[in-house]
Amino acid sequence: MPALGKELLGKNIKNVHIHDNCGEMDEHLAVSDGKINFRSIFSNLNMYRDNFVIEVHKEEDVLRSKEKIY
């Protein structure tokens, strides 16, 4: 898989929308509640420091996701 961070896409990344899922539908789960390997994704985005948009259904999932991201 090619690198996904700013070193490849540079200034073309304006914001990143984040939510987890189990691979069957667009569930908008909190980060780490599904099957997405965010450790790999964030390591490829290690130079990205702009906007993260957390797309979940519950306020508590926003807070839990934020803890995992930052």
PDB file of N, CA and C in Angstrom:
ATOM      1  N   MET A   1       0.842  -1.174   0.000  1.00  0.00           N
ATOM      2  CA  MET A   1       0.000   0.000   0.000  1.00  0.00           C
ATOM      3  C   MET A   1       0.889   1.240   0.000  1.00  0.00           C
ATOM      4  N   PRO A   2       0.649   2.192  -0.876  1.00  0.00           N
ATOM      5  CA  PRO A   2       1.486   3.395  -0.925  1.00  0.00           C
ATOM      6  C   PRO A   2       1.257   4.276   0.290  1.00  0.00           C
ATOM      7  N   ALA A   3       2.232   5.105   0.580  1.00  0.00           N
ATOM      8  CA  ALA A   3       2.101   6.053   1.687  1.00  0.00           C
ATOM      9  C   ALA A   3       0.915   6.980   1.434  1.00  0.00           C
ATOM     10  N   LEU A   4       0.204   7.329   2.484  1.00  0.00           N
ATOM     11  CA  LEU A   4      -0.986   8.153   2.346  1.00  0.00           C
ATOM     12  C   LEU A   4      -0.802   9.553   2.910  1.00  0.00           C
ATOM     13  N   GLY A   5       0.332   9.850   3.519  1.00  0.00           N
ATOM     14  CA  GLY A   5       0.524  11.109   4.216  1.00  0.00           C
ATOM     15  C   GLY A   5       0.828  12.275   3.311  1.00  0.00           C
ATOM     16  N   LYS A   6       1.138  13.400   3.941  1.00  0.00           N
ATOM     17  CA  LYS A   6       1.422  14.619   3.203  1.00  0.00           C
ATOM     18  C   LYS A   6       2.641  14.481   2.307  1.00  0.00           C
ATOM     19  N   GLU A   7       3.560  13.568   2.643  1.00  0.00           N
ATOM     20  CA  GLU A   7       4.734  13.403   1.790  1.00  0.00           C
ATOM     21  C   GLU A   7       4.336  12.954   0.387  1.00  0.00           C
ATOM     22  N   LEU A   8       3.187  12.303   0.233  1.00  0.00           N
ATOM     23  CA  LEU A   8       2.696  11.883  -1.081  1.00  0.00           C
ATOM     24  C   LEU A   8       1.701  12.894  -1.655  1.00  0.00           C
ATOM     25  N   LEU A   9       0.754  13.325  -0.850  1.00  0.00           N
ATOM     26  CA  LEU A   9      -0.315  14.186  -1.339  1.00  0.00           C
ATOM     27  C   LEU A   9      -0.072  15.663  -1.078  1.00  0.00           C
ATOM     28  N   GLY A  10       0.891  15.961  -0.232  1.00  0.00           N
ATOM     29  CA  GLY A  10       1.249  17.343   0.045  1.00  0.00           C
ATOM     30  C   GLY A  10       0.089  18.197   0.485  1.00  0.00           C
ATOM     31  N   LYS A  11       0.019  19.380  -0.049  1.00  0.00           N
ATOM     32  CA  LYS A  11      -0.992  20.342   0.375  1.00  0.00           C
ATOM     33  C   LYS A  11      -2.383  20.031  -0.151  1.00  0.00           C
ATOM     34  N   ASN A  12      -2.586  18.905  -0.839  1.00  0.00           N
ATOM     35  CA  ASN A  12      -3.907  18.529  -1.345  1.00  0.00           C
ATOM     36  C   ASN A  12      -4.839  18.027  -0.249  1.00  0.00           C
ATOM     37  N   ILE A  13      -4.303  17.587   0.894  1.00  0.00           N
ATOM     38  CA  ILE A  13      -5.137  17.146   2.013  1.00  0.00           C
ATOM     39  C   ILE A  13      -5.578  18.380   2.773  1.00  0.00           C
ATOM     40  N   LYS A  14      -6.882  18.598   2.867  1.00  0.00           N
ATOM     41  CA  LYS A  14      -7.425  19.762   3.580  1.00  0.00           C
ATOM     42  C   LYS A  14      -8.045  19.368   4.911  1.00  0.00           C
ATOM     43  N   ASN A  15      -8.690  18.215   4.964  1.00  0.00           N
ATOM     44  CA  ASN A  15      -9.204  17.689   6.220  1.00  0.00           C
ATOM     45  C   ASN A  15      -9.391  16.185   6.067  1.00  0.00           C
ATOM     46  N   VAL A  16      -9.468  15.511   7.204  1.00  0.00           N
ATOM     47  CA  VAL A  16      -9.609  14.062   7.223  1.00  0.00           C
ATOM     48  C   VAL A  16     -10.857  13.721   8.030  1.00  0.00           C
ATOM     49  N   HIS A  17     -11.787  12.971   7.431  1.00  0.00           N
ATOM     50  CA  HIS A  17     -13.002  12.521   8.107  1.00  0.00           C
ATOM     51  C   HIS A  17     -12.735  11.145   8.695  1.00  0.00           C
ATOM     52  N   ILE A  18     -13.074  10.972   9.972  1.00  0.00           N
ATOM     53  CA  ILE A  18     -12.710   9.754  10.691  1.00  0.00           C
ATOM     54  C   ILE A  18     -13.930   9.125  11.354  1.00  0.00           C
ATOM     55  N   HIS A  19     -14.082   7.826  11.141  1.00  0.00           N
ATOM     56  CA  HIS A  19     -15.009   7.006  11.926  1.00  0.00           C
ATOM     57  C   HIS A  19     -14.629   5.555  11.672  1.00  0.00           C
ATOM     58  N   ASP A  20     -15.058   4.678  12.529  1.00  0.00           N
ATOM     59  CA  ASP A  20     -14.728   3.259  12.406  1.00  0.00           C
ATOM     60  C   ASP A  20     -15.948   2.499  11.910  1.00  0.00           C
ATOM     61  N   ASN A  21     -15.721   1.258  11.466  1.00  0.00           N
ATOM     62  CA  ASN A  21     -16.814   0.360  11.084  1.00  0.00           C
ATOM     63  C   ASN A  21     -16.299  -1.068  11.128  1.00  0.00           C
ATOM     64  N   CYS A  22     -17.203  -2.012  10.965  1.00  0.00           N
ATOM     65  CA  CYS A  22     -16.840  -3.436  11.014  1.00  0.00           C
ATOM     66  C   CYS A  22     -16.697  -4.045   9.624  1.00  0.00           C
ATOM     67  N   GLY A  23     -16.772  -3.226   8.591  1.00  0.00           N
ATOM     68  CA  GLY A  23     -16.524  -3.691   7.243  1.00  0.00           C
ATOM     69  C   GLY A  23     -17.737  -4.108   6.448  1.00  0.00           C
ATOM     70  N   GLU A  24     -18.914  -4.014   7.026  1.00  0.00           N
ATOM     71  CA  GLU A  24     -20.115  -4.436   6.312  1.00  0.00           C
ATOM     72  C   GLU A  24     -20.993  -3.273   5.880  1.00  0.00           C
ATOM     73  N   MET A  25     -20.894  -2.141   6.587  1.00  0.00           N
ATOM     74  CA  MET A  25     -21.677  -0.959   6.249  1.00  0.00           C
ATOM     75  C   MET A  25     -21.005   0.276   6.839  1.00  0.00           C
ATOM     76  N   ASP A  26     -21.507   1.425   6.518  1.00  0.00           N
ATOM     77  CA  ASP A  26     -20.957   2.687   6.991  1.00  0.00           C
ATOM     78  C   ASP A  26     -21.555   3.000   8.360  1.00  0.00           C
ATOM     79  N   GLU A  27     -20.957   2.457   9.426  1.00  0.00           N
ATOM     80  CA  GLU A  27     -21.562   2.485  10.759  1.00  0.00           C
ATOM     81  C   GLU A  27     -21.283   3.745  11.577  1.00  0.00           C
ATOM     82  N   HIS A  28     -20.256   4.477  11.249  1.00  0.00           N
ATOM     83  CA  HIS A  28     -19.876   5.681  11.995  1.00  0.00           C
ATOM     84  C   HIS A  28     -19.667   5.380  13.477  1.00  0.00           C
ATOM     85  N   LEU A  29     -18.837   4.370  13.750  1.00  0.00           N
ATOM     86  CA  LEU A  29     -18.495   3.987  15.118  1.00  0.00           C
ATOM     87  C   LEU A  29     -17.338   4.833  15.630  1.00  0.00           C
ATOM     88  N   ALA A  30     -17.171   4.862  16.940  1.00  0.00           N
ATOM     89  CA  ALA A  30     -16.018   5.530  17.544  1.00  0.00           C
ATOM     90  C   ALA A  30     -14.737   4.831  17.099  1.00  0.00           C
ATOM     91  N   VAL A  31     -13.658   5.586  17.033  1.00  0.00           N
ATOM     92  CA  VAL A  31     -12.355   5.020  16.702  1.00  0.00           C
ATOM     93  C   VAL A  31     -12.047   3.902  17.692  1.00  0.00           C
ATOM     94  N   SER A  32     -11.683   2.755  17.186  1.00  0.00           N
ATOM     95  CA  SER A  32     -11.325   1.517  17.906  1.00  0.00           C
ATOM     96  C   SER A  32     -12.521   0.646  18.247  1.00  0.00           C
ATOM     97  N   ASP A  33     -13.742   1.047  17.863  1.00  0.00           N
ATOM     98  CA  ASP A  33     -14.912   0.199  18.086  1.00  0.00           C
ATOM     99  C   ASP A  33     -15.193  -0.721  16.901  1.00  0.00           C
ATOM    100  N   GLY A  34     -14.471  -0.570  15.822  1.00  0.00           N
ATOM    101  CA  GLY A  34     -14.660  -1.389  14.628  1.00  0.00           C
ATOM    102  C   GLY A  34     -13.373  -2.113  14.264  1.00  0.00           C
ATOM    103  N   LYS A  35     -13.177  -2.333  12.975  1.00  0.00           N
ATOM    104  CA  LYS A  35     -12.046  -3.134  12.503  1.00  0.00           C
ATOM    105  C   LYS A  35     -10.972  -2.349  11.755  1.00  0.00           C
ATOM    106  N   ILE A  36     -11.123  -1.045  11.617  1.00  0.00           N
ATOM    107  CA  ILE A  36     -10.136  -0.256  10.880  1.00  0.00           C
ATOM    108  C   ILE A  36      -8.852  -0.153  11.692  1.00  0.00           C
ATOM    109  N   ASN A  37      -7.716  -0.346  11.020  1.00  0.00           N
ATOM    110  CA  ASN A  37      -6.404  -0.268  11.661  1.00  0.00           C
ATOM    111  C   ASN A  37      -5.947   1.196  11.656  1.00  0.00           C
ATOM    112  N   PHE A  38      -6.405   1.946  12.652  1.00  0.00           N
ATOM    113  CA  PHE A  38      -6.076   3.368  12.709  1.00  0.00           C
ATOM    114  C   PHE A  38      -4.613   3.614  13.013  1.00  0.00           C
ATOM    115  N   ARG A  39      -3.956   2.703  13.697  1.00  0.00           N
ATOM    116  CA  ARG A  39      -2.519   2.861  13.971  1.00  0.00           C
ATOM    117  C   ARG A  39      -1.760   2.995  12.659  1.00  0.00           C
ATOM    118  N   SER A  40      -2.080   2.149  11.688  1.00  0.00           N
ATOM    119  CA  SER A  40      -1.439   2.222  10.380  1.00  0.00           C
ATOM    120  C   SER A  40      -1.806   3.503   9.645  1.00  0.00           C
ATOM    121  N   ILE A  41      -3.080   3.857   9.684  1.00  0.00           N
ATOM    122  CA  ILE A  41      -3.526   5.069   8.994  1.00  0.00           C
ATOM    123  C   ILE A  41      -2.852   6.295   9.586  1.00  0.00           C
ATOM    124  N   PHE A  42      -2.848   6.422  10.913  1.00  0.00           N
ATOM    125  CA  PHE A  42      -2.261   7.594  11.538  1.00  0.00           C
ATOM    126  C   PHE A  42      -0.746   7.633  11.349  1.00  0.00           C
ATOM    127  N   SER A  43      -0.098   6.487  11.287  1.00  0.00           N
ATOM    128  CA  SER A  43       1.348   6.506  11.045  1.00  0.00           C
ATOM    129  C   SER A  43       1.642   7.021   9.637  1.00  0.00           C
ATOM    130  N   ASN A  44       0.749   6.762   8.688  1.00  0.00           N
ATOM    131  CA  ASN A  44       0.924   7.292   7.340  1.00  0.00           C
ATOM    132  C   ASN A  44       0.529   8.762   7.243  1.00  0.00           C
ATOM    133  N   LEU A  45      -0.226   9.234   8.205  1.00  0.00           N
ATOM    134  CA  LEU A  45      -0.628  10.646   8.231  1.00  0.00           C
ATOM    135  C   LEU A  45       0.160  11.418   9.288  1.00  0.00           C
ATOM    136  N   ASN A  46       1.313  10.911   9.691  1.00  0.00           N
ATOM    137  CA  ASN A  46       2.038  11.500  10.809  1.00  0.00           C
ATOM    138  C   ASN A  46       2.441  12.951  10.585  1.00  0.00           C
ATOM    139  N   MET A  47       2.525  13.397   9.362  1.00  0.00           N
ATOM    140  CA  MET A  47       2.873  14.790   9.090  1.00  0.00           C
ATOM    141  C   MET A  47       1.633  15.675   9.003  1.00  0.00           C
ATOM    142  N   TYR A  48       0.463  15.077   8.952  1.00  0.00           N
ATOM    143  CA  TYR A  48      -0.786  15.835   8.808  1.00  0.00           C
ATOM    144  C   TYR A  48      -1.195  16.402  10.148  1.00  0.00           C
ATOM    145  N   ARG A  49      -1.358  17.705  10.240  1.00  0.00           N
ATOM    146  CA  ARG A  49      -1.720  18.347  11.501  1.00  0.00           C
ATOM    147  C   ARG A  49      -2.868  19.337  11.316  1.00  0.00           C
ATOM    148  N   ASP A  50      -3.647  19.169  10.282  1.00  0.00           N
ATOM    149  CA  ASP A  50      -4.739  20.097  10.036  1.00  0.00           C
ATOM    150  C   ASP A  50      -6.027  19.569  10.663  1.00  0.00           C
ATOM    151  N   ASN A  51      -7.128  19.604   9.949  1.00  0.00           N
ATOM    152  CA  ASN A  51      -8.445  19.292  10.502  1.00  0.00           C
ATOM    153  C   ASN A  51      -8.774  17.800  10.470  1.00  0.00           C
ATOM    154  N   PHE A  52      -9.234  17.288  11.613  1.00  0.00           N
ATOM    155  CA  PHE A  52      -9.828  15.965  11.701  1.00  0.00           C
ATOM    156  C   PHE A  52     -11.310  16.155  11.985  1.00  0.00           C
ATOM    157  N   VAL A  53     -12.180  15.540  11.201  1.00  0.00           N
ATOM    158  CA  VAL A  53     -13.623  15.590  11.407  1.00  0.00           C
ATOM    159  C   VAL A  53     -14.054  14.207  11.896  1.00  0.00           C
ATOM    160  N   ILE A  54     -14.548  14.130  13.115  1.00  0.00           N
ATOM    161  CA  ILE A  54     -14.977  12.855  13.695  1.00  0.00           C
ATOM    162  C   ILE A  54     -16.455  12.672  13.377  1.00  0.00           C
ATOM    163  N   GLU A  55     -16.768  11.635  12.607  1.00  0.00           N
ATOM    164  CA  GLU A  55     -18.139  11.392  12.139  1.00  0.00           C
ATOM    165  C   GLU A  55     -18.766  10.212  12.877  1.00  0.00           C
ATOM    166  N   VAL A  56     -19.354  10.494  14.033  1.00  0.00           N
ATOM    167  CA  VAL A  56     -20.006   9.453  14.825  1.00  0.00           C
ATOM    168  C   VAL A  56     -21.395   9.951  15.238  1.00  0.00           C
ATOM    169  N   HIS A  57     -22.199   9.054  15.806  1.00  0.00           N
ATOM    170  CA  HIS A  57     -23.580   9.386  16.138  1.00  0.00           C
ATOM    171  C   HIS A  57     -23.782   9.920  17.550  1.00  0.00           C
ATOM    172  N   LYS A  58     -22.882   9.587  18.479  1.00  0.00           N
ATOM    173  CA  LYS A  58     -23.088   9.940  19.888  1.00  0.00           C
ATOM    174  C   LYS A  58     -21.960  10.855  20.376  1.00  0.00           C
ATOM    175  N   GLU A  59     -22.332  11.795  21.225  1.00  0.00           N
ATOM    176  CA  GLU A  59     -21.340  12.727  21.770  1.00  0.00           C
ATOM    177  C   GLU A  59     -20.213  11.990  22.504  1.00  0.00           C
ATOM    178  N   GLU A  60     -20.557  10.972  23.265  1.00  0.00           N
ATOM    179  CA  GLU A  60     -19.518  10.234  23.991  1.00  0.00           C
ATOM    180  C   GLU A  60     -18.544   9.534  23.034  1.00  0.00           C
ATOM    181  N   ASP A  61     -19.021   9.166  21.838  1.00  0.00           N
ATOM    182  CA  ASP A  61     -18.134   8.563  20.842  1.00  0.00           C
ATOM    183  C   ASP A  61     -17.165   9.583  20.257  1.00  0.00           C
ATOM    184  N   VAL A  62     -17.585  10.840  20.200  1.00  0.00           N
ATOM    185  CA  VAL A  62     -16.674  11.904  19.770  1.00  0.00           C
ATOM    186  C   VAL A  62     -15.525  12.008  20.765  1.00  0.00           C
ATOM    187  N   LEU A  63     -15.863  12.033  22.039  1.00  0.00           N
ATOM    188  CA  LEU A  63     -14.853  12.189  23.079  1.00  0.00           C
ATOM    189  C   LEU A  63     -13.906  10.993  23.126  1.00  0.00           C
ATOM    190  N   ARG A  64     -14.446   9.782  23.007  1.00  0.00           N
ATOM    191  CA  ARG A  64     -13.595   8.583  23.013  1.00  0.00           C
ATOM    192  C   ARG A  64     -12.700   8.547  21.782  1.00  0.00           C
ATOM    193  N   SER A  65     -13.236   8.932  20.620  1.00  0.00           N
ATOM    194  CA  SER A  65     -12.437   8.968  19.402  1.00  0.00           C
ATOM    195  C   SER A  65     -11.315   9.989  19.522  1.00  0.00           C
ATOM    196  N   LYS A  66     -11.646  11.141  20.065  1.00  0.00           N
ATOM    197  CA  LYS A  66     -10.656  12.202  20.231  1.00  0.00           C
ATOM    198  C   LYS A  66      -9.492  11.720  21.090  1.00  0.00           C
ATOM    199  N   GLU A  67      -9.788  10.967  22.146  1.00  0.00           N
ATOM    200  CA  GLU A  67      -8.723  10.416  23.004  1.00  0.00           C
ATOM    201  C   GLU A  67      -7.790   9.504  22.204  1.00  0.00           C
ATOM    202  N   LYS A  68      -8.351   8.732  21.282  1.00  0.00           N
ATOM    203  CA  LYS A  68      -7.546   7.794  20.490  1.00  0.00           C
ATOM    204  C   LYS A  68      -6.715   8.527  19.426  1.00  0.00           C
ATOM    205  N   ILE A  69      -7.242   9.617  18.907  1.00  0.00           N
ATOM    206  CA  ILE A  69      -6.560  10.350  17.838  1.00  0.00           C
ATOM    207  C   ILE A  69      -5.424  11.198  18.395  1.00  0.00           C
ATOM    208  N   TYR A  70      -5.689  11.875  19.487  1.00  0.00           N
ATOM    209  CA  TYR A  70      -4.690  12.808  20.036  1.00  0.00           C
ATOM    210  C   TYR A  70      -4.023  12.188  21.186  1.00  0.00           C
TER     211      TYR A  70
END
